[in-house]
N, C-alpha and C. Protein backbone atom coordinates (compact mmCIF):
# COMPACT_ATOMS: atom_id res chain seq x y z
N MET A 1 6.03 -21.56 -43.55
CA MET A 1 5.18 -20.58 -42.64
C MET A 1 4.75 -21.54 -41.58
N ALA A 2 4.88 -21.13 -40.27
CA ALA A 2 5.13 -21.40 -38.93
C ALA A 2 3.36 -22.41 -38.90
N PRO A 3 3.15 -23.69 -39.16
CA PRO A 3 1.84 -24.30 -38.82
C PRO A 3 1.08 -23.76 -37.56
N LYS A 4 1.50 -23.38 -36.74
CA LYS A 4 0.92 -23.13 -35.40
C LYS A 4 0.24 -21.63 -35.41
N LEU A 5 0.78 -20.75 -36.47
CA LEU A 5 0.34 -19.63 -36.34
C LEU A 5 -1.19 -19.38 -37.45
N GLU A 6 -2.28 -19.76 -36.46
CA GLU A 6 -3.38 -19.64 -37.16
C GLU A 6 -4.47 -18.43 -37.02
N LYS A 7 -4.38 -17.73 -36.00
CA LYS A 7 -4.74 -16.36 -36.06
C LYS A 7 -4.07 -15.28 -35.54
N LEU A 8 -4.27 -14.45 -36.18
CA LEU A 8 -3.41 -13.20 -35.92
C LEU A 8 -4.25 -11.93 -35.82
N VAL A 9 -4.01 -11.47 -34.43
CA VAL A 9 -4.32 -9.67 -34.19
C VAL A 9 -3.57 -8.79 -35.18
N ILE A 10 -4.14 -7.76 -35.92
CA ILE A 10 -3.66 -6.94 -36.66
C ILE A 10 -3.61 -5.62 -35.62
N ALA A 11 -2.62 -5.04 -35.31
CA ALA A 11 -2.64 -4.12 -34.05
C ALA A 11 -2.50 -2.61 -34.79
N SER A 12 -3.36 -2.25 -35.72
CA SER A 12 -3.71 -1.08 -36.16
C SER A 12 -5.22 -0.65 -36.10
N GLY A 13 -5.56 0.62 -36.08
CA GLY A 13 -6.52 1.17 -36.66
C GLY A 13 -6.88 2.23 -37.95
N ASN A 14 -6.01 1.82 -38.42
CA ASN A 14 -5.29 2.78 -39.81
C ASN A 14 -6.31 1.85 -41.01
N PRO A 15 -7.20 2.39 -41.28
CA PRO A 15 -8.13 1.59 -42.19
C PRO A 15 -7.32 1.11 -43.63
N GLY A 16 -6.60 2.20 -43.89
CA GLY A 16 -5.56 1.94 -45.26
C GLY A 16 -4.61 0.52 -45.02
N LYS A 17 -4.19 0.86 -43.95
CA LYS A 17 -2.94 -0.08 -43.39
C LYS A 17 -3.69 -1.58 -43.12
N LEU A 18 -4.75 -1.72 -42.83
CA LEU A 18 -5.55 -2.90 -42.42
C LEU A 18 -5.69 -3.51 -43.76
N VAL A 19 -6.44 -2.98 -44.59
CA VAL A 19 -6.89 -3.16 -46.44
C VAL A 19 -5.36 -3.61 -46.93
N GLU A 20 -4.23 -2.91 -46.76
CA GLU A 20 -3.14 -3.57 -47.36
C GLU A 20 -2.33 -4.81 -46.76
N ILE A 21 -2.28 -5.03 -45.22
CA ILE A 21 -2.22 -6.06 -44.30
C ILE A 21 -2.97 -7.12 -45.20
N GLN A 22 -4.12 -7.02 -45.13
CA GLN A 22 -4.99 -8.34 -45.01
C GLN A 22 -5.02 -8.58 -46.45
N GLN A 23 -4.62 -8.02 -47.45
CA GLN A 23 -4.47 -8.52 -48.94
C GLN A 23 -3.38 -9.23 -48.91
N MET A 24 -2.67 -8.69 -48.41
CA MET A 24 -1.01 -9.29 -48.21
C MET A 24 -0.94 -10.89 -47.57
N LEU A 25 -1.75 -11.06 -46.55
CA LEU A 25 -1.94 -12.08 -45.80
C LEU A 25 -2.98 -13.37 -46.67
N ALA A 26 -3.83 -12.40 -47.29
CA ALA A 26 -5.16 -13.11 -47.63
C ALA A 26 -4.28 -15.02 -48.14
N PRO A 27 -3.47 -14.88 -49.03
CA PRO A 27 -2.83 -16.31 -49.67
C PRO A 27 -2.92 -17.42 -48.21
N LEU A 28 -2.42 -17.03 -47.22
CA LEU A 28 -2.08 -17.83 -46.05
C LEU A 28 -3.26 -17.93 -45.29
N CYS A 29 -3.07 -18.96 -44.63
CA CYS A 29 -4.68 -19.81 -44.08
C CYS A 29 -4.51 -19.41 -42.68
N ILE A 30 -4.77 -17.96 -42.49
CA ILE A 30 -4.46 -17.63 -41.14
C ILE A 30 -5.87 -16.43 -40.91
N GLU A 31 -6.41 -16.79 -39.96
CA GLU A 31 -7.60 -15.86 -39.41
C GLU A 31 -6.79 -14.61 -38.99
N VAL A 32 -7.13 -13.39 -39.94
CA VAL A 32 -6.72 -12.03 -39.63
C VAL A 32 -8.08 -11.39 -39.04
N LEU A 33 -7.32 -11.03 -37.69
CA LEU A 33 -8.43 -10.10 -36.68
C LEU A 33 -8.08 -8.52 -36.69
N PRO A 34 -8.43 -7.66 -37.08
CA PRO A 34 -8.16 -6.10 -36.43
C PRO A 34 -8.30 -6.05 -35.17
N GLN A 35 -7.38 -5.40 -34.64
CA GLN A 35 -7.82 -5.24 -33.00
C GLN A 35 -9.22 -4.52 -32.64
N ARG A 36 -9.56 -3.96 -33.64
CA ARG A 36 -10.98 -3.02 -33.28
C ARG A 36 -11.96 -3.99 -33.34
N SER A 37 -11.92 -5.17 -34.03
CA SER A 37 -13.21 -5.96 -33.57
C SER A 37 -12.84 -6.66 -32.42
N LEU A 38 -11.87 -6.69 -32.01
CA LEU A 38 -11.50 -7.39 -30.30
C LEU A 38 -11.77 -6.37 -29.57
N LYS A 39 -12.35 -5.08 -29.48
CA LYS A 39 -12.44 -4.02 -28.83
C LYS A 39 -10.86 -3.59 -27.90
N ILE A 40 -10.30 -3.86 -28.76
CA ILE A 40 -8.64 -3.41 -28.36
C ILE A 40 -8.35 -2.06 -28.72
N SER A 41 -8.15 -1.41 -27.58
CA SER A 41 -7.57 0.14 -28.08
C SER A 41 -6.36 0.31 -28.64
N GLU A 42 -6.14 1.48 -29.27
CA GLU A 42 -4.97 2.13 -29.65
C GLU A 42 -3.87 1.99 -28.69
N ALA A 43 -2.68 1.30 -29.07
CA ALA A 43 -1.59 1.70 -28.01
C ALA A 43 -0.87 3.23 -28.07
N GLU A 44 -0.24 3.86 -27.20
CA GLU A 44 0.64 4.58 -27.48
C GLU A 44 2.03 4.54 -27.75
N GLU A 45 2.09 5.39 -28.62
CA GLU A 45 3.48 5.27 -29.53
C GLU A 45 4.52 6.37 -29.18
N PRO A 46 5.01 6.39 -27.84
CA PRO A 46 5.72 7.22 -27.46
C PRO A 46 7.18 7.54 -27.87
N PHE A 47 7.43 6.43 -28.99
CA PHE A 47 9.07 6.29 -29.00
C PHE A 47 9.35 7.18 -30.09
N ALA A 48 10.59 7.64 -30.29
CA ALA A 48 11.40 8.13 -31.55
C ALA A 48 11.93 7.29 -32.63
N THR A 49 11.79 6.08 -32.61
CA THR A 49 11.98 5.12 -33.59
C THR A 49 10.42 4.24 -34.19
N PHE A 50 10.50 3.67 -35.25
CA PHE A 50 9.66 3.19 -36.08
C PHE A 50 9.63 1.93 -35.02
N VAL A 51 10.90 1.12 -35.01
CA VAL A 51 10.79 -0.25 -34.42
C VAL A 51 10.26 -0.53 -33.25
N GLU A 52 10.80 0.70 -32.14
CA GLU A 52 10.26 0.65 -30.74
C GLU A 52 8.93 0.82 -30.81
N ASN A 53 8.12 1.73 -31.59
CA ASN A 53 6.73 1.68 -31.74
C ASN A 53 5.98 0.66 -32.50
N ALA A 54 6.50 0.02 -33.30
CA ALA A 54 5.93 -0.88 -33.81
C ALA A 54 5.94 -2.25 -32.55
N LEU A 55 6.83 -2.22 -31.89
CA LEU A 55 6.96 -3.70 -31.10
C LEU A 55 6.09 -3.08 -29.60
N ALA A 56 5.88 -1.76 -29.49
CA ALA A 56 4.61 -1.79 -28.40
C ALA A 56 3.78 -1.72 -28.86
N LYS A 57 3.00 -1.66 -30.21
CA LYS A 57 1.87 -1.86 -30.71
C LYS A 57 1.57 -3.32 -30.65
N ALA A 58 2.52 -4.17 -31.20
CA ALA A 58 2.27 -5.43 -31.23
C ALA A 58 2.08 -6.27 -29.83
N ARG A 59 3.16 -5.81 -28.76
CA ARG A 59 2.77 -6.41 -27.63
C ARG A 59 1.69 -5.99 -26.71
N HIS A 60 1.12 -4.79 -27.16
CA HIS A 60 -0.19 -4.42 -26.57
C HIS A 60 -1.66 -5.02 -27.10
N ALA A 61 -1.00 -5.70 -28.64
CA ALA A 61 -2.58 -6.15 -28.80
C ALA A 61 -2.47 -7.39 -28.60
N SER A 62 -1.25 -7.91 -28.11
CA SER A 62 -0.96 -9.57 -28.10
C SER A 62 -1.65 -9.73 -26.65
N PHE A 63 -1.16 -8.77 -25.67
CA PHE A 63 -1.52 -8.60 -24.25
C PHE A 63 -3.06 -8.83 -24.08
N ALA A 64 -3.72 -7.91 -24.59
CA ALA A 64 -5.17 -7.49 -24.65
C ALA A 64 -5.98 -8.68 -25.49
N SER A 65 -5.43 -9.41 -26.32
CA SER A 65 -5.93 -10.61 -26.84
C SER A 65 -5.81 -12.09 -26.61
N GLY A 66 -4.44 -12.04 -25.99
CA GLY A 66 -3.59 -13.49 -25.66
C GLY A 66 -3.36 -14.06 -27.28
N LEU A 67 -3.34 -13.62 -28.12
CA LEU A 67 -3.18 -14.06 -29.63
C LEU A 67 -1.63 -13.59 -29.90
N PRO A 68 -0.82 -14.23 -31.28
CA PRO A 68 0.12 -13.31 -31.88
C PRO A 68 -0.40 -12.29 -32.28
N ALA A 69 0.26 -11.16 -32.55
CA ALA A 69 0.08 -9.81 -33.31
C ALA A 69 0.97 -9.48 -34.09
N LEU A 70 0.71 -8.82 -35.05
CA LEU A 70 1.45 -7.87 -35.85
C LEU A 70 1.16 -6.71 -35.74
N ALA A 71 2.22 -6.01 -35.93
CA ALA A 71 2.12 -4.40 -36.01
C ALA A 71 3.01 -3.86 -36.99
N ASP A 72 2.63 -3.01 -37.85
CA ASP A 72 3.72 -1.76 -38.24
C ASP A 72 3.85 -0.27 -37.95
N ASP A 73 4.85 -0.04 -38.07
CA ASP A 73 5.02 1.47 -37.79
C ASP A 73 5.93 2.12 -39.11
N SER A 74 5.03 2.83 -39.78
CA SER A 74 5.79 3.46 -40.60
C SER A 74 5.29 4.72 -40.96
N GLY A 75 6.08 5.52 -42.06
CA GLY A 75 6.06 6.85 -42.26
C GLY A 75 6.74 7.08 -43.40
N ILE A 76 7.09 8.36 -43.80
CA ILE A 76 7.80 8.98 -44.75
C ILE A 76 9.02 9.79 -44.11
N CYS A 77 9.71 9.82 -44.81
CA CYS A 77 11.35 10.41 -44.54
C CYS A 77 11.73 11.21 -45.52
N VAL A 78 11.80 12.63 -45.21
CA VAL A 78 12.07 13.38 -46.55
C VAL A 78 13.43 13.97 -46.33
N GLU A 79 14.36 14.09 -47.18
CA GLU A 79 16.10 14.48 -47.22
C GLU A 79 16.01 15.48 -46.63
N ALA A 80 15.17 16.33 -47.23
CA ALA A 80 15.26 18.33 -47.27
C ALA A 80 14.94 18.68 -45.80
N LEU A 81 14.21 17.75 -45.12
CA LEU A 81 13.63 18.00 -44.15
C LEU A 81 14.45 17.20 -42.74
N GLY A 82 15.26 16.39 -42.93
CA GLY A 82 16.29 15.72 -41.79
C GLY A 82 15.91 14.67 -41.51
N GLY A 83 14.87 14.12 -42.34
CA GLY A 83 14.09 12.77 -42.33
C GLY A 83 12.90 13.12 -41.66
N ALA A 84 12.38 14.24 -41.38
CA ALA A 84 10.86 14.52 -40.90
C ALA A 84 9.93 14.03 -42.14
N PRO A 85 8.64 13.94 -41.81
CA PRO A 85 8.06 13.69 -40.74
C PRO A 85 8.35 12.68 -39.95
N GLY A 86 9.12 11.39 -40.56
CA GLY A 86 9.35 10.13 -39.50
C GLY A 86 8.41 9.74 -38.94
N VAL A 87 8.39 9.23 -37.92
CA VAL A 87 7.66 8.62 -36.92
C VAL A 87 6.10 9.69 -36.91
N PHE A 88 6.58 10.89 -37.23
CA PHE A 88 5.24 11.90 -36.84
C PHE A 88 4.64 11.83 -37.85
N SER A 89 4.55 11.07 -39.21
CA SER A 89 3.79 11.35 -40.26
C SER A 89 2.48 11.32 -40.18
N ALA A 90 1.82 10.79 -39.40
CA ALA A 90 0.21 10.27 -38.91
C ALA A 90 -0.23 11.87 -38.46
N ARG A 91 0.40 12.38 -37.90
CA ARG A 91 -0.01 13.81 -37.22
C ARG A 91 0.76 14.97 -37.62
N PHE A 92 1.65 14.99 -38.75
CA PHE A 92 2.40 15.79 -38.82
C PHE A 92 1.57 17.17 -38.96
N ALA A 93 0.67 17.46 -39.46
CA ALA A 93 0.11 18.69 -39.19
C ALA A 93 -0.75 18.70 -38.20
N GLY A 94 -0.95 18.09 -37.12
CA GLY A 94 -1.19 18.27 -35.86
C GLY A 94 -2.44 17.14 -35.45
N ALA A 95 -3.08 17.17 -34.93
CA ALA A 95 -3.92 15.73 -33.97
C ALA A 95 -5.01 16.72 -34.07
N PRO A 96 -6.52 15.62 -34.75
CA PRO A 96 -6.56 14.50 -34.76
C PRO A 96 -5.89 14.23 -36.55
N GLY A 97 -5.24 13.26 -36.78
CA GLY A 97 -4.07 12.82 -38.00
C GLY A 97 -5.28 13.23 -39.19
N SER A 98 -4.57 13.76 -40.44
CA SER A 98 -5.65 14.18 -41.54
C SER A 98 -4.61 14.07 -42.60
N ASP A 99 -4.67 13.08 -43.71
CA ASP A 99 -4.09 12.91 -44.94
C ASP A 99 -4.00 13.95 -45.77
N ALA A 100 -5.30 14.86 -45.66
CA ALA A 100 -4.99 16.05 -46.41
C ALA A 100 -4.11 17.42 -45.82
N ARG A 101 -4.31 17.55 -44.44
CA ARG A 101 -3.69 18.48 -43.82
C ARG A 101 -2.02 18.21 -43.75
N ASN A 102 -1.92 17.04 -43.62
CA ASN A 102 -0.15 16.35 -43.49
C ASN A 102 0.31 16.56 -45.08
N ASN A 103 -0.47 16.42 -46.12
CA ASN A 103 -0.14 16.72 -47.22
C ASN A 103 0.31 18.35 -47.59
N ALA A 104 -0.79 19.06 -47.42
CA ALA A 104 -0.49 20.47 -47.45
C ALA A 104 0.52 20.86 -46.68
N ARG A 105 0.99 20.50 -45.45
CA ARG A 105 1.75 21.13 -44.59
C ARG A 105 3.09 20.35 -45.17
N LEU A 106 3.58 19.39 -45.71
CA LEU A 106 4.46 18.79 -46.28
C LEU A 106 4.79 19.64 -47.52
N LEU A 107 3.97 20.21 -48.46
CA LEU A 107 4.25 20.94 -49.46
C LEU A 107 4.47 22.46 -49.46
N GLU A 108 3.91 22.73 -48.05
CA GLU A 108 4.09 24.07 -47.77
C GLU A 108 5.89 23.95 -47.42
N LEU A 109 6.13 23.25 -46.45
CA LEU A 109 7.72 23.18 -45.90
C LEU A 109 8.46 23.00 -47.26
N LEU A 110 8.30 22.32 -48.33
CA LEU A 110 9.02 22.05 -49.70
C LEU A 110 8.90 22.93 -50.24
N GLU A 111 8.16 23.89 -50.25
CA GLU A 111 7.69 24.96 -51.22
C GLU A 111 8.90 25.36 -52.12
N ASN A 112 10.00 26.13 -51.59
CA ASN A 112 11.44 26.49 -52.13
C ASN A 112 12.20 25.42 -52.37
N CYS A 113 12.17 24.20 -51.88
CA CYS A 113 12.96 22.87 -52.01
C CYS A 113 13.17 22.34 -53.53
N GLU A 114 14.70 22.48 -53.76
CA GLU A 114 14.65 21.95 -55.31
C GLU A 114 15.14 19.80 -54.56
N ASN A 115 15.71 19.94 -53.80
CA ASN A 115 15.86 18.54 -53.26
C ASN A 115 14.41 18.01 -52.65
N ARG A 116 13.69 17.00 -53.90
CA ARG A 116 12.49 16.49 -53.12
C ARG A 116 12.61 15.11 -52.95
N ARG A 117 13.96 14.50 -52.61
CA ARG A 117 14.12 12.89 -52.38
C ARG A 117 13.29 12.62 -51.03
N ALA A 118 12.76 11.44 -51.03
CA ALA A 118 11.95 11.00 -49.94
C ALA A 118 11.71 9.30 -49.74
N HIS A 119 11.94 8.89 -48.49
CA HIS A 119 11.42 7.25 -48.97
C HIS A 119 10.35 7.08 -47.73
N TYR A 120 9.60 5.83 -47.97
CA TYR A 120 8.95 5.61 -46.91
C TYR A 120 9.41 4.32 -46.36
N VAL A 121 9.27 4.37 -44.94
CA VAL A 121 9.88 3.47 -44.08
C VAL A 121 8.88 2.34 -43.67
N CYS A 122 9.05 1.30 -43.38
CA CYS A 122 7.91 -0.02 -42.73
C CYS A 122 8.84 -0.62 -41.84
N LEU A 123 8.44 -0.56 -40.93
CA LEU A 123 8.88 -1.64 -39.60
C LEU A 123 7.79 -2.29 -39.47
N MET A 124 8.07 -3.86 -39.74
CA MET A 124 7.12 -4.61 -39.03
C MET A 124 7.25 -5.83 -38.11
N VAL A 125 6.35 -5.70 -37.05
CA VAL A 125 6.87 -6.56 -35.75
C VAL A 125 5.81 -7.56 -35.76
N LEU A 126 6.02 -8.99 -35.81
CA LEU A 126 5.08 -10.09 -34.96
C LEU A 126 5.61 -10.84 -33.66
N VAL A 127 4.59 -10.44 -33.01
CA VAL A 127 5.17 -11.30 -31.87
C VAL A 127 4.24 -12.60 -31.50
N ARG A 128 4.84 -13.60 -31.30
CA ARG A 128 3.67 -15.24 -31.30
C ARG A 128 3.00 -14.90 -29.40
N SER A 129 3.69 -14.24 -28.70
CA SER A 129 2.84 -13.90 -27.60
C SER A 129 3.13 -12.55 -27.09
N ARG A 130 2.61 -12.41 -25.74
CA ARG A 130 2.79 -10.80 -25.51
C ARG A 130 4.31 -10.68 -24.82
N ASP A 131 4.76 -11.73 -24.14
CA ASP A 131 6.46 -11.81 -23.57
C ASP A 131 7.44 -12.56 -24.75
N ASP A 132 6.73 -12.98 -26.10
CA ASP A 132 7.70 -13.46 -26.90
C ASP A 132 9.53 -12.84 -26.73
N PRO A 133 10.37 -13.46 -26.24
CA PRO A 133 11.68 -12.94 -26.38
C PRO A 133 12.28 -12.60 -27.51
N GLN A 134 11.74 -13.25 -28.63
CA GLN A 134 12.27 -13.03 -29.81
C GLN A 134 11.41 -12.60 -31.30
N PRO A 135 11.04 -11.27 -31.13
CA PRO A 135 9.90 -10.91 -31.95
C PRO A 135 10.36 -10.84 -33.26
N LEU A 136 9.66 -11.14 -34.52
CA LEU A 136 9.96 -11.43 -35.71
C LEU A 136 10.06 -9.67 -36.41
N ILE A 137 11.23 -9.00 -36.65
CA ILE A 137 11.36 -7.58 -37.30
C ILE A 137 11.85 -7.85 -38.44
N ALA A 138 11.06 -7.14 -39.43
CA ALA A 138 11.40 -6.57 -40.83
C ALA A 138 10.91 -5.41 -41.18
N GLU A 139 11.92 -5.06 -42.15
CA GLU A 139 12.15 -3.52 -42.42
C GLU A 139 11.87 -3.15 -44.07
N GLY A 140 10.77 -2.44 -44.71
CA GLY A 140 10.73 -2.03 -46.09
C GLY A 140 11.21 -0.41 -46.05
N LEU A 141 11.74 -0.53 -47.44
CA LEU A 141 12.05 0.74 -47.73
C LEU A 141 11.44 0.91 -49.14
N TRP A 142 10.73 2.22 -49.54
CA TRP A 142 10.01 2.60 -50.82
C TRP A 142 10.88 4.06 -51.17
N HIS A 143 11.85 4.12 -51.89
CA HIS A 143 12.46 5.26 -52.61
C HIS A 143 11.88 5.86 -53.65
N GLY A 144 11.87 7.28 -53.18
CA GLY A 144 11.13 8.20 -54.37
C GLY A 144 11.37 9.62 -54.27
N GLU A 145 10.49 10.52 -54.50
CA GLU A 145 10.48 12.08 -54.62
C GLU A 145 9.40 12.58 -53.98
N ILE A 146 9.21 13.78 -53.70
CA ILE A 146 7.78 14.37 -53.51
C ILE A 146 7.47 15.42 -54.59
N LEU A 147 6.49 15.40 -54.98
CA LEU A 147 6.20 16.13 -56.37
C LEU A 147 5.48 17.33 -55.78
N ARG A 148 5.41 18.24 -56.50
CA ARG A 148 4.76 19.81 -56.38
C ARG A 148 3.36 19.84 -56.19
N GLN A 149 2.51 18.92 -56.68
CA GLN A 149 1.16 18.89 -56.56
C GLN A 149 0.67 17.53 -56.92
N PRO A 150 -0.44 16.88 -56.03
CA PRO A 150 -0.76 15.61 -56.01
C PRO A 150 -1.37 14.86 -57.31
N ARG A 151 -1.12 13.71 -57.06
CA ARG A 151 -1.49 12.87 -58.76
C ARG A 151 -2.45 11.58 -58.36
N GLY A 152 -3.29 11.24 -58.69
CA GLY A 152 -4.03 9.86 -58.26
C GLY A 152 -4.72 9.99 -57.14
N ASN A 153 -5.60 8.75 -57.04
CA ASN A 153 -6.84 8.76 -56.17
C ASN A 153 -7.24 7.33 -55.35
N GLN A 154 -5.93 6.83 -55.38
CA GLN A 154 -5.47 5.43 -54.81
C GLN A 154 -4.83 5.66 -53.48
N GLY A 155 -4.64 4.39 -52.57
CA GLY A 155 -3.77 4.75 -51.55
C GLY A 155 -4.18 5.40 -50.64
N PHE A 156 -3.51 5.84 -49.52
CA PHE A 156 -3.69 6.60 -48.73
C PHE A 156 -2.39 7.56 -48.02
N GLY A 157 -2.50 8.34 -47.28
CA GLY A 157 -1.11 9.05 -46.42
C GLY A 157 -0.55 10.05 -47.68
N TYR A 158 0.48 10.04 -47.74
CA TYR A 158 1.48 10.77 -48.73
C TYR A 158 1.10 10.41 -50.26
N ASP A 159 0.72 9.05 -50.69
CA ASP A 159 0.56 8.61 -51.88
C ASP A 159 0.59 9.37 -53.07
N PRO A 160 -0.37 10.56 -52.91
CA PRO A 160 -0.64 11.32 -54.11
C PRO A 160 0.57 12.12 -54.43
N LEU A 161 1.35 12.37 -53.46
CA LEU A 161 2.76 13.08 -53.66
C LEU A 161 3.91 12.22 -53.68
N PHE A 162 4.08 11.02 -53.32
CA PHE A 162 5.25 10.61 -53.74
C PHE A 162 5.14 9.65 -54.83
N LEU A 163 6.24 10.10 -55.72
CA LEU A 163 6.56 9.45 -56.82
C LEU A 163 7.36 8.58 -57.14
N ASP A 164 7.12 7.39 -57.58
CA ASP A 164 8.38 5.91 -57.56
C ASP A 164 8.91 6.52 -58.93
N PRO A 165 10.08 7.13 -59.01
CA PRO A 165 10.64 7.52 -60.32
C PRO A 165 10.94 6.31 -61.31
N ALA A 166 10.96 5.13 -60.86
CA ALA A 166 11.04 3.95 -61.94
C ALA A 166 10.29 3.37 -62.50
N LEU A 167 8.76 3.79 -62.11
CA LEU A 167 7.37 3.60 -62.29
C LEU A 167 6.73 4.94 -63.27
N GLY A 168 7.23 5.75 -62.79
CA GLY A 168 6.74 7.10 -63.39
C GLY A 168 5.27 7.47 -62.80
N ARG A 169 5.02 6.96 -61.64
CA ARG A 169 3.60 6.97 -60.80
C ARG A 169 3.94 7.09 -59.28
N THR A 170 3.04 8.06 -58.84
CA THR A 170 3.07 7.77 -57.60
C THR A 170 2.09 6.89 -57.21
N GLY A 171 2.29 6.67 -55.61
CA GLY A 171 1.43 5.97 -54.78
C GLY A 171 -0.02 5.57 -55.21
N ALA A 172 -0.88 7.07 -55.30
CA ALA A 172 -2.12 7.00 -55.54
C ALA A 172 -2.54 6.28 -57.38
N GLU A 173 -1.44 6.36 -57.80
CA GLU A 173 -1.84 6.13 -59.16
C GLU A 173 -1.78 4.50 -59.74
N LEU A 174 -1.13 3.81 -58.45
CA LEU A 174 -0.97 2.51 -58.38
C LEU A 174 -2.17 1.61 -58.22
N ASP A 175 -2.62 0.34 -58.62
CA ASP A 175 -3.53 -0.53 -58.23
C ASP A 175 -3.01 -1.22 -56.97
N PRO A 176 -3.92 -1.68 -56.04
CA PRO A 176 -3.36 -2.32 -54.78
C PRO A 176 -2.40 -3.55 -55.07
N VAL A 177 -2.36 -4.21 -55.92
CA VAL A 177 -1.64 -5.46 -56.35
C VAL A 177 -0.24 -4.68 -56.75
N GLN A 178 -0.18 -3.57 -57.67
CA GLN A 178 1.02 -2.99 -57.86
C GLN A 178 1.54 -2.62 -56.74
N LYS A 179 1.17 -1.70 -55.97
CA LYS A 179 1.63 -1.06 -54.99
C LYS A 179 2.22 -2.10 -53.96
N ASN A 180 1.34 -3.13 -53.85
CA ASN A 180 2.10 -4.11 -52.64
C ASN A 180 3.38 -4.90 -53.14
N ARG A 181 3.51 -4.87 -54.39
CA ARG A 181 4.65 -5.60 -54.90
C ARG A 181 6.06 -4.62 -54.88
N VAL A 182 5.57 -3.24 -54.95
CA VAL A 182 6.63 -2.14 -54.66
C VAL A 182 7.05 -1.38 -53.42
N SER A 183 6.19 -1.48 -52.55
CA SER A 183 5.84 -0.35 -51.32
C SER A 183 6.40 -0.98 -50.25
N HIS A 184 6.95 -0.06 -49.58
CA HIS A 184 7.74 -0.24 -48.18
C HIS A 184 6.90 -1.52 -47.43
N ARG A 185 5.28 -0.99 -47.30
CA ARG A 185 4.81 -2.15 -46.49
C ARG A 185 4.79 -3.82 -46.97
N GLY A 186 4.81 -3.71 -48.76
CA GLY A 186 5.01 -4.91 -49.24
C GLY A 186 6.31 -5.63 -49.21
N LYS A 187 7.74 -4.74 -48.93
CA LYS A 187 8.87 -5.46 -48.90
C LYS A 187 8.78 -6.06 -47.52
N ALA A 188 8.26 -5.04 -46.71
CA ALA A 188 8.59 -5.30 -45.13
C ALA A 188 7.83 -7.27 -44.68
N MET A 189 6.48 -6.77 -45.80
CA MET A 189 5.76 -8.08 -45.16
C MET A 189 6.35 -9.36 -46.15
N ALA A 190 6.73 -9.33 -47.11
CA ALA A 190 7.85 -10.39 -47.67
C ALA A 190 9.00 -10.66 -46.93
N ALA A 191 9.79 -9.90 -46.39
CA ALA A 191 10.71 -10.08 -45.43
C ALA A 191 10.24 -10.90 -44.26
N LEU A 192 9.22 -10.34 -43.67
CA LEU A 192 8.56 -11.06 -42.43
C LEU A 192 8.20 -12.48 -42.59
N LEU A 193 7.49 -12.52 -43.84
CA LEU A 193 7.19 -14.17 -44.24
C LEU A 193 8.48 -15.04 -44.29
N ALA A 194 9.42 -14.63 -44.92
CA ALA A 194 10.39 -15.21 -45.12
C ALA A 194 11.09 -15.76 -43.87
N ARG A 195 11.22 -14.87 -42.65
CA ARG A 195 11.74 -15.12 -41.64
C ARG A 195 10.74 -16.07 -40.85
N LEU A 196 9.40 -15.72 -41.08
CA LEU A 196 8.42 -16.96 -40.41
C LEU A 196 8.86 -18.29 -40.88
N ARG A 197 9.22 -18.59 -42.11
CA ARG A 197 9.51 -19.85 -42.56
C ARG A 197 10.46 -20.50 -41.89
N GLU A 198 11.36 -19.68 -41.43
CA GLU A 198 12.71 -20.20 -40.81
C GLU A 198 12.16 -20.90 -39.50
N PHE A 199 11.26 -20.51 -39.03
CA PHE A 199 10.84 -21.19 -37.40
C PHE A 199 9.83 -22.24 -37.47
């Protein structure tokens, strides 16, 4: 772990993401500040790729705070929908975003589909300054399938519909420690921390 990284802004207003990221960073001696606590607005996410949106969010938070910033852009990609909703996962059923409406929309579109394969994607970006020429970038994938009915009451987003076949459980049936071990965000964070140790 780079010793100079003492404070870090999390560039997200998503409560579920904030909890997961803070849990994963808890063992490290880093002061973690949600951007909302610094009155930093949400960044625009105009891009068609996860990595571009994550980088935009990280740079925005670092510029506003003068601190290193960590952002993730993540979503679910469904094979039968050509990779949708992808970067539009949070507002798949329209704005403002709603997990319940997004899940209902997904089930509606897949109603007559036999192919239920899907994967979660997380692109995590850390910038040590707003103009960092070498942002740290890590990716995590979580493969599974979409159920026909939701199961479980943990997690957020599409977790109640997303089945991990190896575990036989949905994302919403896993406790936070289990989920962080196998999830796209957990894998991206592990890869990011490995990169940090190289600096």
